[in-house]
Every structure is written in C-alpha cells, then in structure tokens.
N, C-alpha and C. Protein backbone atom coordinates (compact mmCIF):
# COMPACT_ATOMS: atom_id res chain seq x y z
N MET A 1 170.47 62.39 42.51
CA MET A 1 169.20 62.14 43.15
C MET A 1 169.38 61.61 44.56
N SER A 2 170.64 61.32 44.92
CA SER A 2 170.88 60.93 46.30
C SER A 2 170.66 62.12 47.23
N ARG A 3 170.59 63.34 46.67
CA ARG A 3 170.34 64.53 47.47
C ARG A 3 168.88 64.93 47.41
N GLY A 4 168.04 64.03 47.01
CA GLY A 4 166.61 64.30 46.95
C GLY A 4 166.10 64.25 45.52
N PRO A 5 164.80 64.07 45.38
CA PRO A 5 164.20 63.98 44.05
C PRO A 5 164.45 65.24 43.23
N LYS A 6 164.70 65.03 41.93
CA LYS A 6 164.94 66.15 41.02
C LYS A 6 164.32 65.82 39.67
N ASN A 7 163.92 66.88 38.95
CA ASN A 7 163.49 66.65 37.58
C ASN A 7 164.72 66.75 36.68
N GLY A 8 164.54 66.50 35.40
CA GLY A 8 165.67 66.49 34.47
C GLY A 8 166.44 67.79 34.44
N ALA A 9 165.73 68.91 34.41
CA ALA A 9 166.39 70.22 34.38
C ALA A 9 167.22 70.43 35.65
N GLU A 10 166.68 70.03 36.78
CA GLU A 10 167.41 70.18 38.04
C GLU A 10 168.64 69.28 38.08
N ILE A 11 168.53 68.09 37.50
CA ILE A 11 169.67 67.17 37.43
C ILE A 11 170.77 67.78 36.58
N ILE A 12 170.39 68.34 35.43
CA ILE A 12 171.38 68.98 34.55
C ILE A 12 172.09 70.11 35.29
N ASP A 13 171.33 70.94 35.99
CA ASP A 13 171.92 72.05 36.75
C ASP A 13 172.85 71.52 37.85
N GLU A 14 172.44 70.46 38.52
CA GLU A 14 173.24 69.89 39.61
C GLU A 14 174.55 69.32 39.08
N VAL A 15 174.51 68.64 37.95
CA VAL A 15 175.74 68.09 37.36
C VAL A 15 176.69 69.23 37.00
N GLU A 16 176.13 70.30 36.43
CA GLU A 16 176.96 71.45 36.08
C GLU A 16 177.62 72.05 37.33
N LYS A 17 176.83 72.15 38.42
CA LYS A 17 177.37 72.68 39.68
C LYS A 17 178.47 71.78 40.23
N MET A 18 178.20 70.47 40.22
CA MET A 18 179.15 69.51 40.77
C MET A 18 180.45 69.49 39.99
N SER A 19 180.39 69.83 38.69
CA SER A 19 181.61 69.84 37.87
C SER A 19 182.21 71.25 37.79
N PHE A 20 181.71 72.15 38.65
CA PHE A 20 182.18 73.53 38.69
C PHE A 20 182.12 74.19 37.31
N GLY A 21 181.03 73.87 36.59
CA GLY A 21 180.81 74.45 35.27
C GLY A 21 181.58 73.76 34.16
N GLY A 22 182.29 72.70 34.48
CA GLY A 22 183.09 72.00 33.48
C GLY A 22 182.29 71.15 32.53
N TRP A 23 181.11 70.72 32.96
CA TRP A 23 180.29 69.86 32.11
C TRP A 23 178.82 70.14 32.39
N ARG A 24 178.09 70.42 31.36
CA ARG A 24 176.65 70.56 31.45
C ARG A 24 176.06 69.54 30.49
N PRO A 25 175.52 68.42 31.02
CA PRO A 25 174.98 67.40 30.13
C PRO A 25 173.80 67.94 29.33
N SER A 26 173.64 67.43 28.15
CA SER A 26 172.53 67.87 27.30
C SER A 26 171.27 67.11 27.68
N PRO A 27 170.11 67.70 27.40
CA PRO A 27 168.86 66.97 27.61
C PRO A 27 168.85 65.65 26.84
N GLY A 28 169.53 65.63 25.69
CA GLY A 28 169.58 64.42 24.87
C GLY A 28 170.37 63.29 25.50
N SER A 29 171.17 63.61 26.53
CA SER A 29 171.85 62.54 27.25
C SER A 29 171.15 62.21 28.56
N VAL A 30 170.53 63.20 29.19
CA VAL A 30 169.92 62.99 30.50
C VAL A 30 168.57 62.26 30.42
N TYR A 31 167.68 62.75 29.57
CA TYR A 31 166.34 62.15 29.54
C TYR A 31 166.32 60.70 29.07
N PRO A 32 167.09 60.32 28.04
CA PRO A 32 167.13 58.90 27.70
C PRO A 32 167.70 58.05 28.83
N LEU A 33 168.69 58.59 29.55
CA LEU A 33 169.26 57.86 30.68
C LEU A 33 168.21 57.69 31.79
N LEU A 34 167.44 58.74 32.07
CA LEU A 34 166.38 58.63 33.08
C LEU A 34 165.32 57.60 32.66
N ASP A 35 164.97 57.59 31.37
CA ASP A 35 164.02 56.59 30.87
C ASP A 35 164.57 55.18 31.05
N GLU A 36 165.83 55.00 30.71
CA GLU A 36 166.47 53.70 30.85
C GLU A 36 166.52 53.27 32.31
N MET A 37 166.89 54.20 33.17
CA MET A 37 166.97 53.89 34.60
C MET A 37 165.58 53.56 35.16
N SER A 38 164.56 54.22 34.65
CA SER A 38 163.19 53.91 35.08
C SER A 38 162.81 52.49 34.67
N GLN A 39 163.14 52.15 33.43
CA GLN A 39 162.82 50.80 32.94
C GLN A 39 163.58 49.72 33.71
N GLU A 40 164.77 50.06 34.18
CA GLU A 40 165.57 49.11 34.94
C GLU A 40 165.19 49.09 36.42
N GLY A 41 164.26 49.96 36.82
CA GLY A 41 163.80 49.97 38.20
C GLY A 41 164.74 50.67 39.16
N LEU A 42 165.64 51.52 38.63
CA LEU A 42 166.59 52.22 39.49
C LEU A 42 166.03 53.54 40.00
N VAL A 43 165.15 54.17 39.22
CA VAL A 43 164.49 55.41 39.62
C VAL A 43 163.02 55.30 39.28
N GLN A 44 162.23 56.13 39.92
CA GLN A 44 160.82 56.23 39.56
C GLN A 44 160.46 57.70 39.44
N LYS A 45 159.59 57.98 38.49
CA LYS A 45 159.17 59.36 38.26
C LYS A 45 157.93 59.61 39.11
N ARG A 46 157.99 60.65 39.91
CA ARG A 46 156.87 61.01 40.77
C ARG A 46 155.85 61.83 40.00
N GLU A 47 154.70 62.05 40.61
CA GLU A 47 153.64 62.85 39.98
C GLU A 47 154.07 64.27 39.69
N ASP A 48 155.00 64.81 40.50
CA ASP A 48 155.46 66.18 40.29
C ASP A 48 156.55 66.28 39.22
N GLY A 49 156.85 65.16 38.54
CA GLY A 49 157.84 65.15 37.47
C GLY A 49 159.26 64.94 37.93
N ARG A 50 159.46 64.80 39.24
CA ARG A 50 160.80 64.58 39.76
C ARG A 50 161.07 63.07 39.84
N TYR A 51 162.34 62.73 39.69
CA TYR A 51 162.77 61.33 39.77
C TYR A 51 163.38 61.10 41.14
N GLU A 52 163.13 59.90 41.66
CA GLU A 52 163.76 59.54 42.92
C GLU A 52 164.28 58.11 42.81
N LEU A 53 165.34 57.85 43.56
CA LEU A 53 165.92 56.51 43.56
C LEU A 53 164.97 55.51 44.19
N THR A 54 164.91 54.33 43.61
CA THR A 54 164.17 53.23 44.21
C THR A 54 165.12 52.52 45.18
N GLU A 55 164.63 51.52 45.87
CA GLU A 55 165.51 50.74 46.76
C GLU A 55 166.63 50.10 45.94
N LYS A 56 166.27 49.56 44.77
CA LYS A 56 167.28 48.96 43.89
C LYS A 56 168.31 50.02 43.49
N GLY A 57 167.86 51.22 43.18
CA GLY A 57 168.76 52.30 42.81
C GLY A 57 169.69 52.70 43.94
N LYS A 58 169.16 52.69 45.16
CA LYS A 58 169.98 53.04 46.32
C LYS A 58 171.07 51.99 46.53
N GLN A 59 170.75 50.72 46.24
CA GLN A 59 171.75 49.65 46.39
C GLN A 59 172.84 49.78 45.33
N GLU A 60 172.50 50.36 44.20
CA GLU A 60 173.46 50.53 43.12
C GLU A 60 173.85 51.99 42.97
N LEU A 61 174.05 52.67 44.08
CA LEU A 61 174.27 54.11 44.09
C LEU A 61 175.48 54.55 43.29
N ASP A 62 176.36 53.66 42.97
CA ASP A 62 177.54 54.03 42.21
C ASP A 62 177.30 54.06 40.70
N TRP A 63 176.03 54.22 40.26
CA TRP A 63 175.77 54.25 38.81
C TRP A 63 176.42 55.46 38.19
N PRO A 64 177.02 55.28 37.01
CA PRO A 64 177.63 56.42 36.32
C PRO A 64 176.56 57.21 35.59
N PHE A 65 176.72 58.51 35.56
CA PHE A 65 175.76 59.33 34.83
C PHE A 65 175.92 59.13 33.35
N GLY A 66 177.10 58.80 32.92
CA GLY A 66 177.32 58.50 31.52
C GLY A 66 177.53 59.74 30.67
N ALA A 67 178.45 59.60 29.76
CA ALA A 67 178.71 60.70 28.83
C ALA A 67 177.70 60.63 27.69
N PRO A 68 177.44 61.75 27.06
CA PRO A 68 176.53 61.73 25.93
C PRO A 68 177.02 60.75 24.87
N THR A 69 176.10 60.05 24.30
CA THR A 69 176.45 59.11 23.25
C THR A 69 176.27 59.80 21.91
N SER A 70 177.07 59.38 20.97
CA SER A 70 176.90 59.96 19.63
C SER A 70 175.84 59.16 18.90
N ARG A 71 175.00 59.86 18.20
CA ARG A 71 173.94 59.22 17.44
C ARG A 71 174.06 59.62 15.99
N ARG A 72 173.65 58.72 15.14
CA ARG A 72 173.63 59.08 13.74
C ARG A 72 172.53 60.11 13.54
N SER A 73 172.73 61.00 12.60
CA SER A 73 171.74 62.05 12.35
C SER A 73 170.66 61.54 11.41
N THR A 74 169.73 60.82 11.97
CA THR A 74 168.57 60.37 11.22
C THR A 74 167.40 61.24 11.65
N VAL A 75 166.35 61.22 10.87
CA VAL A 75 165.16 61.99 11.25
C VAL A 75 164.68 61.51 12.61
N GLU A 76 164.71 60.20 12.83
CA GLU A 76 164.24 59.65 14.10
C GLU A 76 165.08 60.14 15.28
N SER A 77 166.42 60.16 15.09
CA SER A 77 167.28 60.60 16.20
C SER A 77 167.13 62.10 16.46
N ILE A 78 166.91 62.86 15.40
CA ILE A 78 166.69 64.30 15.57
C ILE A 78 165.38 64.54 16.31
N LEU A 79 164.33 63.79 15.94
CA LEU A 79 163.05 63.94 16.63
C LEU A 79 163.16 63.53 18.10
N GLN A 80 163.94 62.49 18.39
CA GLN A 80 164.13 62.07 19.78
C GLN A 80 164.85 63.16 20.56
N GLU A 81 165.85 63.78 19.93
CA GLU A 81 166.56 64.87 20.60
C GLU A 81 165.64 66.05 20.85
N MET A 82 164.75 66.34 19.90
CA MET A 82 163.77 67.42 20.08
C MET A 82 162.84 67.08 21.25
N GLN A 83 162.43 65.81 21.34
CA GLN A 83 161.58 65.37 22.44
C GLN A 83 162.29 65.55 23.78
N ASP A 84 163.57 65.18 23.83
CA ASP A 84 164.36 65.33 25.06
C ASP A 84 164.50 66.80 25.45
N ASN A 85 164.76 67.65 24.46
CA ASN A 85 164.88 69.09 24.74
C ASN A 85 163.55 69.67 25.20
N THR A 86 162.45 69.19 24.63
CA THR A 86 161.13 69.65 25.05
C THR A 86 160.88 69.25 26.50
N SER A 87 161.26 68.03 26.87
CA SER A 87 161.11 67.59 28.26
C SER A 87 161.92 68.48 29.19
N TYR A 88 163.12 68.84 28.76
CA TYR A 88 163.96 69.74 29.57
C TYR A 88 163.26 71.09 29.77
N LEU A 89 162.73 71.67 28.68
CA LEU A 89 162.07 72.97 28.78
C LEU A 89 160.82 72.89 29.66
N GLU A 90 160.09 71.78 29.58
CA GLU A 90 158.92 71.61 30.44
C GLU A 90 159.33 71.56 31.91
N ASP A 91 160.39 70.81 32.21
CA ASP A 91 160.88 70.74 33.59
C ASP A 91 161.37 72.10 34.06
N LEU A 92 162.09 72.79 33.19
CA LEU A 92 162.58 74.11 33.54
C LEU A 92 161.43 75.07 33.82
N ASN A 93 160.38 74.98 33.03
CA ASN A 93 159.19 75.82 33.24
C ASN A 93 158.55 75.54 34.59
N ARG A 94 158.57 74.27 35.02
CA ARG A 94 157.99 73.91 36.33
C ARG A 94 158.89 74.34 37.48
N SER A 95 160.21 74.22 37.31
CA SER A 95 161.10 74.44 38.44
C SER A 95 161.74 75.83 38.47
N ASN A 96 161.84 76.50 37.32
CA ASN A 96 162.50 77.80 37.29
C ASN A 96 162.01 78.58 36.06
N SER A 97 160.73 78.92 36.06
CA SER A 97 160.11 79.56 34.90
C SER A 97 160.75 80.91 34.56
N GLN A 98 161.36 81.56 35.54
CA GLN A 98 162.02 82.85 35.29
C GLN A 98 163.15 82.69 34.26
N LYS A 99 163.83 81.56 34.32
CA LYS A 99 164.93 81.29 33.40
C LYS A 99 164.43 81.09 31.97
N LEU A 100 163.21 80.59 31.84
CA LEU A 100 162.63 80.30 30.54
C LEU A 100 161.92 81.52 29.94
N ALA A 101 161.40 82.38 30.77
CA ALA A 101 160.56 83.50 30.34
C ALA A 101 161.14 84.35 29.20
N PRO A 102 162.41 84.72 29.22
CA PRO A 102 162.93 85.57 28.14
C PRO A 102 162.95 84.87 26.77
N ASN A 103 162.74 83.57 26.75
CA ASN A 103 162.84 82.81 25.51
C ASN A 103 161.49 82.36 24.95
N LYS A 104 160.42 82.80 25.56
CA LYS A 104 159.08 82.35 25.13
C LYS A 104 158.80 82.66 23.67
N ARG A 105 159.23 83.83 23.21
CA ARG A 105 158.98 84.20 21.81
C ARG A 105 159.69 83.24 20.85
N ALA A 106 160.93 82.92 21.15
CA ALA A 106 161.69 81.99 20.32
C ALA A 106 161.04 80.60 20.31
N ILE A 107 160.55 80.18 21.47
CA ILE A 107 159.86 78.89 21.57
C ILE A 107 158.62 78.90 20.69
N LYS A 108 157.87 79.99 20.74
CA LYS A 108 156.65 80.11 19.92
C LYS A 108 157.00 80.06 18.43
N GLU A 109 158.06 80.76 18.03
CA GLU A 109 158.46 80.76 16.62
C GLU A 109 158.85 79.36 16.16
N ILE A 110 159.59 78.64 16.97
CA ILE A 110 159.98 77.27 16.63
C ILE A 110 158.75 76.37 16.56
N ALA A 111 157.85 76.53 17.54
CA ALA A 111 156.62 75.73 17.55
C ALA A 111 155.79 75.99 16.29
N ASP A 112 155.71 77.24 15.88
CA ASP A 112 154.96 77.57 14.66
C ASP A 112 155.59 76.92 13.43
N ARG A 113 156.92 76.96 13.34
CA ARG A 113 157.60 76.34 12.21
C ARG A 113 157.37 74.83 12.19
N LEU A 114 157.44 74.21 13.36
CA LEU A 114 157.21 72.77 13.44
C LEU A 114 155.76 72.42 13.10
N SER A 115 154.84 73.28 13.52
CA SER A 115 153.44 73.06 13.19
C SER A 115 153.22 73.12 11.69
N GLU A 116 153.89 74.05 11.01
CA GLU A 116 153.80 74.14 9.55
C GLU A 116 154.33 72.86 8.91
N LEU A 117 155.45 72.34 9.43
CA LEU A 117 155.99 71.10 8.89
C LEU A 117 155.03 69.92 9.09
N ALA A 118 154.43 69.86 10.26
CA ALA A 118 153.52 68.76 10.57
C ALA A 118 152.27 68.80 9.69
N ASN A 119 151.89 69.98 9.28
CA ASN A 119 150.66 70.13 8.48
C ASN A 119 150.93 70.22 6.98
N ALA A 120 152.19 70.13 6.58
CA ALA A 120 152.55 70.24 5.16
C ALA A 120 152.19 68.98 4.39
C-alpha cells in the first residue's frame, strides 16, 4: 500500500508480482490481516473499498505481511474463510471483472448450494 491504495484482490496480485510468482497469499490470510491493521489504526478502508496507510501506518512501514496462519477446521473457521474469499471475489469484481467473468456460473452454483444449507 506504500505504492498507493489497493483493495484486497489488488494486494494479493501485488504480493504475487513482488515474489515473482513464488507466493500468492490466500484471501484467508490477507483480509483478516487488513481487518487487524484497520483496528490497530495502521490502514483505513476508503469508500471505494481500497485500503490506504494512515500516518501511524506510514511510521511503521516495516510491517510484515505475515504468512498464512493455520487454523483449526471448525465450522466457524471455515465460515470465516468463506467470508474472506467472498471479500476477495467482490474486490476482484470491482477491480478486474474480466478475470471473474468466466467463473460466474460456478459462483452461482456454490451460492445456490449454500442457500439450500441456510434454509435447511
């Protein structure tokens, strides 16, 4: 974000570029980190969904992005991961909808299955 405000999907893409394809962080590692950084006052989420460094964040510019943490497979952790992935897809739809377009049918099928579970 030192190179300008980015949403979660853009941050994931940037990390992958910076690592020359060696590491692509998962939405499950990026979005919780962004939430934590927001709560700590290091970044703020703008109206357009992009995050930018606050003054406090700029002073602590050496923050590590952090490796994905392992979580126990509980229903709650799985739901949180689904929430993080949904946030990623929403950001991707805003910033690069062409990349998401070929997968709309699969998204609809998953949404229908989840809707059936919610209404069961």
